[in-house]
N, C-alpha and C. Protein backbone atom coordinates (compact mmCIF):
# COMPACT_ATOMS: atom_id res chain seq x y z
N MET A 1 0.83 -1.18 0.00
CA MET A 1 -0.13 -0.05 0.02
C MET A 1 0.93 1.26 -0.12
N VAL A 2 1.88 1.28 0.72
CA VAL A 2 2.53 2.50 0.99
C VAL A 2 4.20 2.47 0.81
N THR A 3 4.83 3.33 0.20
CA THR A 3 6.08 3.25 -0.25
C THR A 3 7.16 4.08 0.81
N THR A 4 6.55 4.23 1.99
CA THR A 4 7.47 4.90 3.05
C THR A 4 7.63 3.93 4.19
N ASP A 5 8.28 4.36 5.07
CA ASP A 5 8.54 3.60 6.43
C ASP A 5 7.36 3.61 7.32
N PHE A 6 6.21 4.40 7.10
CA PHE A 6 5.08 4.43 7.97
C PHE A 6 4.46 3.06 7.83
N SER A 7 3.88 2.62 8.90
CA SER A 7 3.04 1.39 8.85
C SER A 7 1.70 1.57 8.16
N THR A 8 1.44 0.49 7.43
CA THR A 8 0.21 0.48 6.54
C THR A 8 -1.05 0.80 7.38
N GLU A 9 -1.00 0.51 8.63
CA GLU A 9 -2.23 0.76 9.46
C GLU A 9 -2.34 2.40 9.81
N LEU A 10 -1.15 2.99 10.06
CA LEU A 10 -1.07 4.28 10.34
C LEU A 10 -1.49 5.25 9.15
N VAL A 11 -1.06 4.95 7.92
CA VAL A 11 -1.35 5.57 6.69
C VAL A 11 -2.67 5.41 6.39
N ARG A 12 -3.32 4.22 6.51
CA ARG A 12 -4.78 4.01 6.07
C ARG A 12 -5.57 4.68 7.10
N SER A 13 -5.07 4.91 8.47
CA SER A 13 -6.16 5.69 9.36
C SER A 13 -6.32 7.12 9.00
N CYS A 14 -5.33 7.66 8.18
CA CYS A 14 -5.31 9.21 7.88
C CYS A 14 -5.62 9.52 6.40
N ALA A 15 -5.69 8.33 5.64
CA ALA A 15 -5.79 8.63 4.10
C ALA A 15 -6.93 9.42 3.79
N ASP A 16 -7.90 9.27 4.28
CA ASP A 16 -9.22 9.78 3.93
C ASP A 16 -8.95 11.38 4.16
N MET A 17 -8.49 11.69 5.41
CA MET A 17 -8.51 13.08 5.59
C MET A 17 -7.38 13.68 4.90
N VAL A 18 -6.22 12.95 4.36
CA VAL A 18 -5.18 13.69 3.66
C VAL A 18 -5.83 13.84 2.23
N ILE A 19 -6.50 13.00 1.76
CA ILE A 19 -7.16 13.04 0.52
C ILE A 19 -8.07 14.29 0.34
N LEU A 20 -8.94 14.19 1.31
CA LEU A 20 -9.95 15.43 1.31
C LEU A 20 -9.48 16.83 1.48
N THR A 21 -8.33 16.67 2.35
CA THR A 21 -7.62 17.92 2.69
C THR A 21 -6.98 18.44 1.21
N LEU A 22 -6.35 17.69 0.34
CA LEU A 22 -5.74 18.09 -0.90
C LEU A 22 -6.96 18.49 -1.81
N LEU A 23 -8.09 17.80 -1.88
CA LEU A 23 -9.14 18.11 -2.83
C LEU A 23 -9.77 19.50 -2.32
N GLY A 24 -9.65 19.89 -0.93
CA GLY A 24 -10.14 21.21 -0.46
C GLY A 24 -9.37 22.27 -1.00
N ASP A 25 -8.20 21.97 -1.24
CA ASP A 25 -7.22 23.05 -2.14
C ASP A 25 -7.81 23.47 -3.34
N LYS A 26 -7.93 22.32 -4.19
CA LYS A 26 -8.29 22.51 -5.57
C LYS A 26 -8.73 21.16 -6.06
N PRO A 27 -9.55 20.97 -7.08
CA PRO A 27 -10.10 20.00 -7.89
C PRO A 27 -8.72 19.25 -8.58
N MET A 28 -8.71 17.97 -8.56
CA MET A 28 -7.60 17.15 -9.03
C MET A 28 -7.84 15.86 -9.65
N HIS A 29 -7.18 15.19 -10.85
CA HIS A 29 -7.20 14.03 -11.16
C HIS A 29 -6.29 13.23 -10.33
N GLY A 30 -6.50 11.95 -10.58
CA GLY A 30 -5.91 11.02 -9.83
C GLY A 30 -4.27 11.02 -9.99
N TYR A 31 -3.81 11.28 -11.02
CA TYR A 31 -2.22 11.42 -11.02
C TYR A 31 -1.82 12.62 -10.52
N ASP A 32 -2.62 13.57 -10.48
CA ASP A 32 -2.38 14.96 -9.69
C ASP A 32 -2.20 14.67 -8.23
N ILE A 33 -3.13 13.94 -7.72
CA ILE A 33 -3.10 13.58 -6.37
C ILE A 33 -1.85 12.90 -5.82
N LEU A 34 -1.49 11.75 -6.82
CA LEU A 34 -0.32 11.07 -6.34
C LEU A 34 0.89 11.91 -6.32
N LEU A 35 0.99 12.98 -7.39
CA LEU A 35 2.01 13.71 -7.46
C LEU A 35 2.19 14.71 -6.25
N SER A 36 1.10 15.24 -5.94
CA SER A 36 1.03 16.24 -4.84
C SER A 36 1.34 15.32 -3.46
N LEU A 37 0.95 14.05 -3.21
CA LEU A 37 1.28 13.42 -2.19
C LEU A 37 2.86 13.26 -2.25
N GLY A 38 3.47 12.97 -3.30
CA GLY A 38 4.88 12.73 -3.32
C GLY A 38 5.63 14.12 -2.92
N SER A 39 5.12 15.20 -3.34
CA SER A 39 5.92 16.58 -3.04
C SER A 39 5.57 17.08 -1.81
N LEU A 40 4.42 16.74 -1.11
CA LEU A 40 4.12 17.53 0.09
C LEU A 40 4.45 16.49 1.37
N GLY A 41 4.36 16.89 2.29
CA GLY A 41 4.82 16.14 3.52
C GLY A 41 6.15 15.47 3.62
N ASN A 42 6.87 16.27 3.01
CA ASN A 42 8.47 15.84 3.07
C ASN A 42 8.66 14.67 2.35
N GLY A 43 7.49 14.34 1.44
CA GLY A 43 7.86 13.32 0.59
C GLY A 43 7.51 11.95 1.20
N GLN A 44 7.11 11.87 2.37
CA GLN A 44 6.93 10.69 3.19
C GLN A 44 5.68 9.90 3.19
N PHE A 45 4.69 10.61 2.50
CA PHE A 45 3.12 10.07 2.54
C PHE A 45 2.98 9.73 1.04
N ARG A 46 2.96 8.27 0.62
CA ARG A 46 2.82 7.95 -0.83
C ARG A 46 1.92 6.95 -0.88
N LEU A 47 1.03 6.92 -1.75
CA LEU A 47 0.24 5.84 -2.00
C LEU A 47 0.33 5.30 -3.36
N LYS A 48 0.11 4.08 -3.48
CA LYS A 48 0.13 3.47 -4.90
C LYS A 48 -1.05 3.70 -5.73
N GLN A 49 -1.05 3.58 -6.94
CA GLN A 49 -2.32 3.87 -7.72
C GLN A 49 -3.33 2.69 -7.43
N GLY A 50 -3.04 1.43 -7.15
CA GLY A 50 -3.92 0.43 -6.73
C GLY A 50 -4.50 0.83 -5.27
N THR A 51 -4.18 1.76 -4.47
CA THR A 51 -4.64 1.95 -3.12
C THR A 51 -5.55 3.20 -3.49
N LEU A 52 -4.93 4.18 -4.16
CA LEU A 52 -5.67 5.44 -4.27
C LEU A 52 -6.90 5.41 -4.97
N TYR A 53 -6.98 4.74 -6.12
CA TYR A 53 -8.32 4.75 -6.73
C TYR A 53 -9.49 3.93 -6.06
N PRO A 54 -9.33 2.90 -5.47
CA PRO A 54 -10.33 2.47 -4.66
C PRO A 54 -10.83 3.29 -3.42
N LEU A 55 -9.94 4.08 -2.92
CA LEU A 55 -10.12 5.07 -2.02
C LEU A 55 -11.01 6.16 -2.62
N LEU A 56 -10.58 6.60 -3.82
CA LEU A 56 -11.23 7.69 -4.27
C LEU A 56 -12.78 7.35 -4.66
N TYR A 57 -12.97 5.97 -5.12
CA TYR A 57 -14.30 5.62 -5.23
C TYR A 57 -15.17 5.45 -4.09
N ARG A 58 -14.44 5.09 -2.91
CA ARG A 58 -15.18 5.10 -1.65
C ARG A 58 -15.42 6.28 -1.28
N LEU A 59 -14.66 7.31 -1.36
CA LEU A 59 -15.01 8.70 -1.10
C LEU A 59 -16.20 9.34 -1.76
N GLU A 60 -16.22 8.85 -2.80
CA GLU A 60 -17.32 9.27 -3.97
C GLU A 60 -18.63 8.70 -3.48
N ARG A 61 -18.64 7.26 -3.12
CA ARG A 61 -19.83 6.68 -2.71
C ARG A 61 -20.23 7.35 -1.57
N GLU A 62 -19.43 7.73 -0.53
CA GLU A 62 -19.79 8.15 0.62
C GLU A 62 -20.48 9.83 0.49
N GLY A 63 -20.11 10.33 -0.54
CA GLY A 63 -20.71 11.69 -1.11
C GLY A 63 -19.74 12.80 -0.62
N TRP A 64 -18.55 12.43 -0.26
CA TRP A 64 -17.55 13.20 0.22
C TRP A 64 -16.72 14.20 -0.91
N ILE A 65 -16.70 13.49 -1.93
CA ILE A 65 -16.17 13.99 -3.28
C ILE A 65 -16.96 13.77 -4.35
N SER A 66 -16.75 14.63 -5.41
CA SER A 66 -17.76 14.30 -6.65
C SER A 66 -16.63 14.10 -7.82
N ALA A 67 -16.99 13.51 -9.01
CA ALA A 67 -16.21 13.19 -9.89
C ALA A 67 -16.84 13.49 -11.25
N LYS A 68 -16.05 14.28 -12.14
CA LYS A 68 -16.51 14.47 -13.48
C LYS A 68 -15.45 14.42 -14.53
N TRP A 69 -15.90 13.59 -15.75
CA TRP A 69 -14.87 13.61 -16.73
C TRP A 69 -14.65 14.89 -17.42
N GLU A 70 -13.48 15.35 -17.50
CA GLU A 70 -13.05 16.50 -18.34
C GLU A 70 -12.10 16.18 -19.39
N THR A 71 -12.03 17.16 -20.40
CA THR A 71 -11.13 16.85 -21.50
C THR A 71 -10.30 18.22 -21.47
N PRO A 72 -8.94 17.96 -21.05
CA PRO A 72 -7.94 19.21 -21.22
C PRO A 72 -7.89 19.66 -22.57
N PRO A 73 -7.33 21.01 -22.94
CA PRO A 73 -7.28 21.37 -24.14
C PRO A 73 -6.11 20.50 -24.86
N GLN A 74 -5.40 19.82 -24.30
CA GLN A 74 -4.39 19.05 -24.91
C GLN A 74 -4.32 17.66 -23.97
N GLY A 75 -4.26 16.39 -24.42
CA GLY A 75 -4.21 15.29 -23.78
C GLY A 75 -5.51 14.53 -23.63
N LYS A 76 -5.65 13.47 -22.84
CA LYS A 76 -6.53 12.66 -22.74
C LYS A 76 -7.71 13.12 -21.74
N LYS A 77 -8.93 12.57 -22.05
CA LYS A 77 -9.97 12.90 -20.99
C LYS A 77 -9.59 12.22 -19.73
N ARG A 78 -10.08 12.93 -18.39
CA ARG A 78 -9.64 12.51 -17.14
C ARG A 78 -10.67 12.67 -16.16
N LYS A 79 -10.56 11.90 -15.28
CA LYS A 79 -11.86 12.14 -14.20
C LYS A 79 -11.11 13.16 -13.10
N VAL A 80 -11.79 14.25 -12.81
CA VAL A 80 -11.41 15.24 -11.98
C VAL A 80 -12.34 15.02 -10.84
N TYR A 81 -11.64 15.14 -9.53
CA TYR A 81 -12.33 14.99 -8.05
C TYR A 81 -12.39 16.18 -7.54
N ARG A 82 -13.53 16.55 -6.81
CA ARG A 82 -13.85 17.78 -6.10
C ARG A 82 -14.35 17.41 -4.87
N LEU A 83 -13.89 18.26 -4.07
CA LEU A 83 -14.63 18.15 -2.41
C LEU A 83 -16.01 18.60 -2.46
N THR A 84 -16.83 17.93 -2.04
CA THR A 84 -18.26 18.25 -1.60
C THR A 84 -18.50 19.11 -0.37
N ALA A 85 -19.66 19.57 -0.27
CA ALA A 85 -19.89 20.51 1.12
C ALA A 85 -19.93 19.42 2.20
N GLU A 86 -20.33 18.17 1.94
CA GLU A 86 -20.48 17.23 3.05
C GLU A 86 -18.93 16.82 3.26
N GLY A 87 -18.12 16.64 2.02
CA GLY A 87 -16.76 16.21 2.42
C GLY A 87 -16.03 17.35 3.13
N LYS A 88 -16.45 18.42 3.01
CA LYS A 88 -15.48 19.57 3.63
C LYS A 88 -16.05 19.63 5.21
N LYS A 89 -17.31 19.26 5.58
CA LYS A 89 -17.48 19.17 6.97
C LYS A 89 -16.72 17.88 7.64
N VAL A 90 -16.77 16.84 6.73
CA VAL A 90 -16.04 15.67 7.23
C VAL A 90 -14.50 15.99 7.37
N GLN A 91 -14.05 16.71 6.35
CA GLN A 91 -12.49 17.03 6.44
C GLN A 91 -12.22 17.96 7.48
N GLN A 92 -12.74 18.93 7.84
CA GLN A 92 -12.90 19.66 9.09
C GLN A 92 -12.98 19.12 10.34
N ASN A 93 -13.67 18.05 10.48
CA ASN A 93 -14.01 17.23 11.87
C ASN A 93 -12.80 16.41 11.88
N ARG A 94 -12.56 15.84 10.99
CA ARG A 94 -11.37 14.84 10.94
C ARG A 94 -10.04 15.76 11.14
N ALA A 95 -9.79 16.92 10.69
CA ALA A 95 -8.70 17.68 11.16
C ALA A 95 -8.54 18.18 12.42
N LEU A 96 -9.94 18.42 13.09
CA LEU A 96 -9.72 18.89 14.46
C LEU A 96 -9.47 17.61 15.32
N GLU A 97 -10.03 16.42 14.98
CA GLU A 97 -9.90 15.25 15.75
C GLU A 97 -8.48 14.92 15.64
N TRP A 98 -7.79 14.96 14.40
CA TRP A 98 -6.51 14.73 14.35
C TRP A 98 -5.48 15.72 15.12
N LYS A 99 -5.93 16.86 15.20
CA LYS A 99 -4.97 17.70 15.97
C LYS A 99 -5.15 17.45 17.55
N ARG A 100 -6.49 17.01 17.97
CA ARG A 100 -6.54 16.45 19.34
C ARG A 100 -5.79 15.61 19.59
N PHE A 101 -5.73 14.41 18.76
CA PHE A 101 -5.16 13.08 18.77
C PHE A 101 -3.76 13.30 18.90
N THR A 102 -3.22 14.05 18.00
CA THR A 102 -1.70 14.05 17.93
C THR A 102 -1.10 14.98 19.15
N ALA A 103 -2.04 15.94 19.57
CA ALA A 103 -1.48 16.63 20.86
C ALA A 103 -1.55 15.69 22.03
N SER A 104 -2.50 14.97 22.01
CA SER A 104 -2.61 13.94 23.11
C SER A 104 -1.33 12.77 23.32
N ILE A 105 -1.07 12.36 21.85
CA ILE A 105 0.04 11.37 21.83
C ILE A 105 1.32 12.07 21.98
N ASN A 106 1.58 13.29 21.68
CA ASN A 106 2.71 13.93 21.85
C ASN A 106 2.87 14.27 23.48
N SER A 107 1.75 14.73 24.05
CA SER A 107 1.90 14.83 25.46
C SER A 107 2.29 13.64 26.29
N ILE A 108 1.57 12.33 25.82
CA ILE A 108 2.19 11.18 26.47
C ILE A 108 3.70 10.97 26.26
N MET A 109 4.09 11.18 25.20
CA MET A 109 5.43 11.15 24.61
C MET A 109 6.35 11.74 25.55
N ARG A 110 6.08 13.13 25.64
CA ARG A 110 6.74 14.00 26.46
C ARG A 110 6.68 13.69 27.80
N ASP A 111 5.68 13.18 28.39
CA ASP A 111 5.58 12.96 29.84
C ASP A 111 6.43 11.70 30.17
N ILE A 112 6.22 10.66 29.26
CA ILE A 112 7.21 9.42 29.46
C ILE A 112 8.46 9.85 29.31
N ALA A 113 9.01 10.40 28.43
CA ALA A 113 10.52 10.91 28.28
C ALA A 113 11.03 11.68 29.28
N ASP A 114 10.14 12.61 30.18
CA ASP A 114 10.60 13.25 31.20
C ASP A 114 10.90 12.59 32.57
N GLU A 115 10.27 11.34 32.48
CA GLU A 115 10.20 10.35 33.68
C GLU A 115 11.68 9.80 33.91
């Protein structure tokens, strides 16, 4: 699933939030998402195509993203994904939850390191 040293479970637990956050910035096609993931986050968060597309299809079924086929001025037709209003709510809630979660974990790590 992942081409980093992060555990599959860790990446899987935050993949939805990461994709929703990317699409909140701008609409993207799948390959664009893969490139963005490779260049953001210090290049540490990467998904394979075989993982990304099922994830996108699931997010679309949930109603969190929408997809539309578009033909660029040059090149092949491609499916462009956009964040929906419901997806924006989910992304915001997940981001707040993630911040609380990581703050809690960081606090535990500091407290134990200080002992």
